[in-house]
Amino acid sequence: MVTVKLVADPYPPYQFEENGRIIGVDHDVITESLKVHGISAETSLYAWDECMAMMANGKVDGIFQITRTPERTRRFLFSERLRTASTLFFKRDGFEIDLDGAAQLVPRLRKLKIGVLSGYSYGPAIDSLSYSCKVERESSEGLLNGLLQDEFSLALMDHGVAAYLMKRMHIKGIDSAQGYGIPRTLYVAFQKDISALAHHFNSGLREIKESGVYGEIFRRYSLSPNK
């Protein structure tokens, strides 16, 4: 069986190490998609900057959970859409806020304390908020605990990550705030000289979606598939 080397950064429930094995939604989807064509995936997890350096140096065949940019498209060969991620505001039950209406979003947020991940960009609307509005945490676990302890009114988190962590941490009383979301389309990027591998992955991905395996993988991690 042919083996390809892939990298990604640790990001449960999408890719993480458990009991000495790499598992997770995206990891499992990619593994099953390649397996359709008799290809084995060997995944390693590193910090994102290191993953990108390994791709740039040709040390690995592909990288996943990556967004498309013009620069990256010039350097790598992108797959069909792996999935769509969504970053949402989360709040404590009982805290009411209306986030509908883009023009009024920033003025509303300026009156609040917002939990964000340290060093992460959320786009112009959020990044433009003054430092006094934002409370940085190093992890999504820290954001959930900050909400529970009333350190801020809202926290920005990936929907799937928040759902996974709340179940694992037995957290109740936190839910997403309606009216705002940051969608991100995610892909697998391959080295440009192995276009056949990208073709096999794409056809395998379509096949596991049609067969229901794609949805089964999401449900294994208590998430809903987004085809």
Protein backbone atom coordinates (compact mmCIF):
# COMPACT_ATOMS: atom_id res chain seq x y z
CA MET A 1 0.00 0.00 0.00
CA VAL A 2 1.28 3.48 -0.91
CA THR A 3 1.79 5.77 2.10
CA VAL A 4 1.59 9.57 1.99
CA LYS A 5 2.88 11.92 4.67
CA LEU A 6 0.50 14.60 5.93
CA VAL A 7 0.78 17.28 8.62
CA ALA A 8 -1.64 19.45 10.59
CA ASP A 9 -1.68 21.32 13.87
CA PRO A 10 -3.35 19.75 16.96
CA TYR A 11 -7.00 20.86 17.01
CA PRO A 12 -9.45 18.53 18.76
CA PRO A 13 -11.89 17.16 17.76
CA TYR A 14 -10.58 17.49 14.21
CA GLN A 15 -7.06 16.12 14.72
CA PHE A 16 -5.43 15.18 18.00
CA GLU A 17 -3.44 12.44 19.68
CA GLU A 18 -5.12 9.98 22.02
CA ASN A 19 -3.48 6.89 23.50
CA GLY A 20 -0.56 7.24 21.10
CA ARG A 21 -2.76 7.46 17.98
CA ILE A 22 -3.78 10.39 15.80
CA ILE A 23 -7.56 10.58 15.48
CA GLY A 24 -10.21 13.23 14.82
CA VAL A 25 -12.89 14.22 12.33
CA ASP A 26 -10.67 15.66 9.60
CA HIS A 27 -7.97 13.04 10.10
CA ASP A 28 -10.50 10.21 9.83
CA VAL A 29 -12.25 11.72 6.77
CA ILE A 30 -8.94 12.07 4.95
CA THR A 31 -7.80 8.59 5.95
CA GLU A 32 -11.01 6.99 4.69
CA SER A 33 -11.00 9.04 1.47
CA LEU A 34 -7.49 7.88 0.58
CA LYS A 35 -8.18 4.31 1.67
CA VAL A 36 -10.76 4.08 -1.15
CA HIS A 37 -7.79 4.00 -3.56
CA GLY A 38 -5.54 1.82 -1.42
CA ILE A 39 -3.51 4.76 -0.10
CA SER A 40 -2.40 4.95 3.53
CA ALA A 41 -2.07 8.31 5.31
CA GLU A 42 0.65 8.90 7.90
CA THR A 43 -0.27 12.04 9.85
CA SER A 44 2.00 14.03 12.16
CA LEU A 45 0.95 16.98 14.32
CA TYR A 46 3.09 20.08 14.76
CA ALA A 47 2.63 23.80 15.36
CA TRP A 48 1.09 25.41 12.27
CA ASP A 49 4.19 27.40 11.32
CA GLU A 50 6.25 24.20 11.38
CA CYS A 51 3.66 22.40 9.24
CA MET A 52 3.82 25.16 6.63
CA ALA A 53 7.63 25.09 6.67
CA MET A 54 7.60 21.32 6.05
CA MET A 55 5.30 21.83 3.06
CA ALA A 56 7.47 24.64 1.70
CA ASN A 57 10.57 22.44 2.01
CA GLY A 58 8.90 19.45 0.37
CA LYS A 59 9.30 17.24 3.44
CA VAL A 60 5.66 16.12 3.39
CA ASP A 61 3.06 15.38 0.73
CA GLY A 62 0.21 17.42 2.11
CA ILE A 63 -1.23 19.60 4.84
CA PHE A 64 -4.83 19.75 6.00
CA GLN A 65 -7.38 22.00 7.61
CA ILE A 66 -5.95 24.81 5.50
CA THR A 67 -7.74 27.83 4.01
CA ARG A 68 -7.17 28.92 0.44
CA THR A 69 -5.28 32.15 -0.32
CA PRO A 70 -3.83 33.40 -3.64
CA GLU A 71 -0.28 32.82 -2.40
CA ARG A 72 -1.01 29.31 -1.19
CA THR A 73 -2.81 28.47 -4.44
CA ARG A 74 0.32 29.40 -6.38
CA ARG A 75 2.43 27.07 -4.23
CA PHE A 76 0.14 24.11 -3.55
CA LEU A 77 -2.59 22.05 -5.19
CA PHE A 78 -5.86 22.35 -3.27
CA SER A 79 -8.41 19.59 -2.87
CA GLU A 80 -12.16 19.90 -3.12
CA ARG A 81 -13.77 21.30 0.02
CA LEU A 82 -13.00 19.18 3.06
CA ARG A 83 -15.62 20.88 5.23
CA THR A 84 -16.90 24.29 6.29
CA ALA A 85 -15.99 25.56 9.75
CA SER A 86 -17.82 28.29 11.62
CA THR A 87 -16.54 30.55 14.39
CA LEU A 88 -19.37 31.77 16.61
CA PHE A 89 -19.90 33.88 19.70
CA PHE A 90 -20.72 31.82 22.80
CA LYS A 91 -22.45 33.14 25.91
CA ARG A 92 -23.85 32.04 29.24
CA ASP A 93 -27.50 31.07 29.38
CA GLY A 94 -29.57 34.06 30.43
CA PHE A 95 -27.34 36.65 28.80
CA GLU A 96 -29.36 38.15 25.96
CA ILE A 97 -27.81 40.00 23.04
CA ASP A 98 -28.88 40.72 19.47
CA LEU A 99 -25.98 40.38 17.02
CA ASP A 100 -28.03 40.79 13.83
CA GLY A 101 -27.09 43.72 11.62
CA ALA A 102 -23.50 44.15 10.52
CA ALA A 103 -23.56 47.96 10.82
CA GLN A 104 -24.39 47.81 14.53
CA LEU A 105 -22.19 44.85 15.46
CA VAL A 106 -19.02 46.69 16.40
CA PRO A 107 -20.79 49.39 18.48
CA ARG A 108 -22.55 46.64 20.47
CA LEU A 109 -19.34 44.71 21.03
CA ARG A 110 -17.46 47.80 22.20
CA LYS A 111 -19.68 47.85 25.28
CA LEU A 112 -18.71 44.30 26.27
CA LYS A 113 -15.74 42.18 27.28
CA ILE A 114 -15.01 39.48 24.69
CA GLY A 115 -12.89 36.38 25.14
CA VAL A 116 -10.56 35.62 22.22
CA LEU A 117 -7.68 33.26 21.53
CA SER A 118 -4.28 34.86 21.92
CA GLY A 119 -2.59 35.62 18.59
CA TYR A 120 -5.59 34.61 16.47
CA SER A 121 -7.11 36.81 13.73
CA TYR A 122 -10.91 36.91 13.49
CA GLY A 123 -11.20 39.34 10.60
CA PRO A 124 -11.42 43.15 10.43
CA ALA A 125 -14.61 43.62 12.47
CA ILE A 126 -13.26 41.80 15.53
CA ASP A 127 -9.58 42.62 15.12
CA SER A 128 -10.40 46.35 15.00
CA LEU A 129 -11.88 46.31 18.50
CA SER A 130 -9.71 48.02 21.08
CA TYR A 131 -7.54 45.92 23.36
CA SER A 132 -9.67 47.00 26.34
CA CYS A 133 -12.66 45.13 24.86
CA LYS A 134 -10.83 41.84 24.53
CA VAL A 135 -9.62 39.28 27.06
CA GLU A 136 -7.07 36.85 25.62
CA ARG A 137 -6.82 33.19 26.55
CA GLU A 138 -4.33 30.59 25.34
CA SER A 139 -6.90 27.86 24.66
CA SER A 140 -10.58 27.23 23.95
CA GLU A 141 -10.77 25.51 27.36
CA GLY A 142 -9.68 28.82 28.87
CA LEU A 143 -12.40 30.65 26.97
CA LEU A 144 -15.10 28.28 28.25
CA ASN A 145 -13.85 28.59 31.83
CA GLY A 146 -13.74 32.37 31.46
CA LEU A 147 -17.38 32.42 30.41
CA LEU A 148 -18.37 30.23 33.34
CA GLN A 149 -16.50 32.51 35.75
CA ASP A 150 -18.07 35.66 34.23
CA GLU A 151 -14.70 37.07 33.13
CA PHE A 152 -16.27 38.20 29.85
CA SER A 153 -19.74 38.24 28.29
CA LEU A 154 -18.95 36.58 24.96
CA ALA A 155 -16.25 34.26 23.63
CA LEU A 156 -15.35 33.50 20.01
CA MET A 157 -14.81 29.80 19.35
CA ASP A 158 -15.02 27.27 16.57
CA HIS A 159 -18.44 25.65 16.79
CA GLY A 160 -17.17 22.08 16.61
CA VAL A 161 -14.37 22.68 19.10
CA ALA A 162 -16.77 24.27 21.58
CA ALA A 163 -19.28 21.41 21.27
CA TYR A 164 -16.57 18.80 21.74
CA LEU A 165 -15.00 20.53 24.75
CA MET A 166 -18.31 21.23 26.50
CA LYS A 167 -19.15 17.54 26.31
CA ARG A 168 -15.69 16.47 27.46
CA MET A 169 -15.57 19.05 30.27
CA HIS A 170 -19.21 18.36 31.30
CA ILE A 171 -20.10 22.03 30.85
CA LYS A 172 -23.70 23.17 30.76
CA GLY A 173 -25.20 26.63 30.67
CA ILE A 174 -23.28 27.90 27.62
CA ASP A 175 -24.71 28.26 24.13
CA SER A 176 -24.00 30.10 20.90
CA ALA A 177 -25.31 33.63 20.38
CA GLN A 178 -27.45 34.01 17.28
CA GLY A 179 -26.86 36.47 14.47
CA TYR A 180 -23.12 36.29 13.82
CA GLY A 181 -20.69 33.76 12.42
CA ILE A 182 -17.35 33.60 10.59
CA PRO A 183 -17.46 30.80 7.99
CA ARG A 184 -14.19 29.22 6.85
CA THR A 185 -13.87 26.76 3.97
CA LEU A 186 -11.15 24.21 4.72
CA TYR A 187 -9.17 22.01 2.36
CA VAL A 188 -6.29 19.58 2.01
CA ALA A 189 -3.34 21.07 0.13
CA PHE A 190 -0.93 18.78 -1.74
CA GLN A 191 2.43 19.35 -3.37
CA LYS A 192 1.88 20.42 -6.97
CA ASP A 193 3.96 17.60 -8.43
CA ILE A 194 1.60 14.91 -7.11
CA SER A 195 -1.64 15.87 -8.83
CA ALA A 196 -2.68 12.21 -9.07
CA LEU A 197 -2.83 12.06 -5.27
CA ALA A 198 -5.15 15.08 -5.15
CA HIS A 199 -7.36 13.44 -7.79
CA HIS A 200 -7.56 10.21 -5.78
CA PHE A 201 -8.39 12.11 -2.61
CA ASN A 202 -11.16 14.11 -4.29
CA SER A 203 -12.84 11.06 -5.78
CA GLY A 204 -12.48 9.17 -2.49
CA LEU A 205 -14.02 12.08 -0.59
CA ARG A 206 -17.01 12.12 -2.92
CA GLU A 207 -17.40 8.36 -2.51
CA ILE A 208 -17.42 8.39 1.31
CA LYS A 209 -19.95 11.23 1.27
CA GLU A 210 -22.25 9.24 -0.98
CA SER A 211 -21.82 6.04 1.04
CA GLY A 212 -22.55 7.73 4.37
CA VAL A 213 -19.10 7.16 5.89
CA TYR A 214 -18.47 10.93 5.96
CA GLY A 215 -21.53 11.52 8.14
CA GLU A 216 -20.72 8.56 10.37
CA ILE A 217 -17.29 10.04 11.14
CA PHE A 218 -18.82 13.35 12.23
CA ARG A 219 -21.37 11.61 14.44
CA ARG A 220 -18.58 9.55 16.02
CA TYR A 221 -17.35 12.83 17.52
CA SER A 222 -20.88 14.08 18.33
CA LEU A 223 -20.90 16.59 15.45
CA SER A 224 -23.20 17.10 12.47
CA PRO A 225 -21.76 16.68 8.97
CA ASN A 226 -21.71 19.67 6.62
CA LYS A 227 -21.61 18.40 3.07
